[in-house]
Protein backbone atom coordinates (compact mmCIF):
# COMPACT_ATOMS: atom_id res chain seq x y z
CA UNK A 1 16.60 164.12 42.86
CA UNK A 2 13.52 162.93 41.00
CA UNK A 3 14.46 159.32 40.31
CA UNK A 4 11.35 158.70 38.20
CA UNK A 5 12.28 161.59 35.90
CA UNK A 6 15.83 160.26 35.59
CA UNK A 7 14.50 156.79 34.75
CA UNK A 8 12.29 158.26 32.03
CA UNK A 9 15.22 160.22 30.62
CA UNK A 10 17.41 157.11 30.43
CA UNK A 11 14.62 155.00 28.91
CA UNK A 12 14.11 157.66 26.24
CA UNK A 13 17.82 157.69 25.39
CA UNK A 14 18.08 153.89 25.37
CA UNK A 15 14.98 153.58 23.19
CA UNK A 16 16.11 156.02 20.52
CA UNK A 17 19.85 155.30 20.43
CA UNK A 18 21.05 151.73 19.74
CA UNK A 19 24.59 152.59 20.88
CA UNK A 20 23.33 153.76 24.26
CA UNK A 21 21.17 150.64 24.50
CA UNK A 22 24.18 148.42 23.84
CA UNK A 23 26.24 150.32 26.41
CA UNK A 24 23.43 150.09 28.95
CA UNK A 25 23.20 146.32 28.50
CA UNK A 26 26.96 145.94 29.09
CA UNK A 27 27.58 148.62 31.73
CA UNK A 28 24.34 150.10 33.07
CA UNK A 29 25.91 152.15 35.87
CA UNK A 30 28.50 153.83 33.65
CA UNK A 31 25.92 154.45 30.93
CA UNK A 32 23.47 156.08 33.32
CA UNK A 33 26.12 158.33 34.81
CA UNK A 34 27.31 159.26 31.30
CA UNK A 35 23.82 160.09 30.02
CA UNK A 36 22.91 162.07 33.14
CA UNK A 37 26.32 163.71 33.29
CA UNK A 38 26.72 163.17 37.03
CA UNK A 39 28.35 160.68 39.38
CA UNK A 40 25.65 159.21 41.59
CA UNK A 41 25.82 157.34 44.89
CA UNK A 42 25.62 153.57 44.42
CA UNK A 43 22.22 153.22 46.09
CA UNK A 44 20.68 155.89 43.84
CA UNK A 45 22.20 154.61 40.61
CA UNK A 46 21.07 151.04 41.36
CA UNK A 47 17.49 152.25 41.87
CA UNK A 48 17.69 153.96 38.49
CA UNK A 49 19.19 150.85 36.83
CA UNK A 50 16.41 148.68 38.25
CA UNK A 51 13.76 151.20 37.20
CA UNK A 52 15.11 151.48 33.66
CA UNK A 53 15.26 147.70 33.27
CA UNK A 54 11.71 147.34 34.56
CA UNK A 55 10.37 150.10 32.31
CA UNK A 56 12.12 148.68 29.24
CA UNK A 57 10.71 145.22 30.00
CA UNK A 58 7.22 146.68 30.43
CA UNK A 59 7.49 148.63 27.19
CA UNK A 60 8.62 145.50 25.32
CA UNK A 61 5.71 143.48 26.70
CA UNK A 62 3.31 146.26 25.71
CA UNK A 63 4.68 146.35 22.15
CA UNK A 64 4.39 142.57 21.88
CA UNK A 65 0.79 142.68 23.11
CA UNK A 66 -0.04 145.38 20.56
CA UNK A 67 1.48 143.25 17.80
CA UNK A 68 -0.57 140.25 18.86
CA UNK A 69 -3.75 142.34 18.93
CA UNK A 70 -3.00 143.40 15.35
CA UNK A 71 -2.93 139.78 14.23
CA UNK A 72 -6.51 139.19 15.38
CA UNK A 73 -8.05 142.24 13.71
């Protein structure tokens, strides 16, 4: 299983769907398994949860930095 591809898929779903984002914040494991449509072993799903959280945090920091750059133009 390509964990990186699964992380990207979840991040895309969370980013474009506020309901999925809300579900992910409350129950990340269930949300990931629902979006992917498969039941994953705990160690795999936790790697995906951690990866999604990290990618979302990175994306948010990037957006904030872009907004700040816009202020100084």
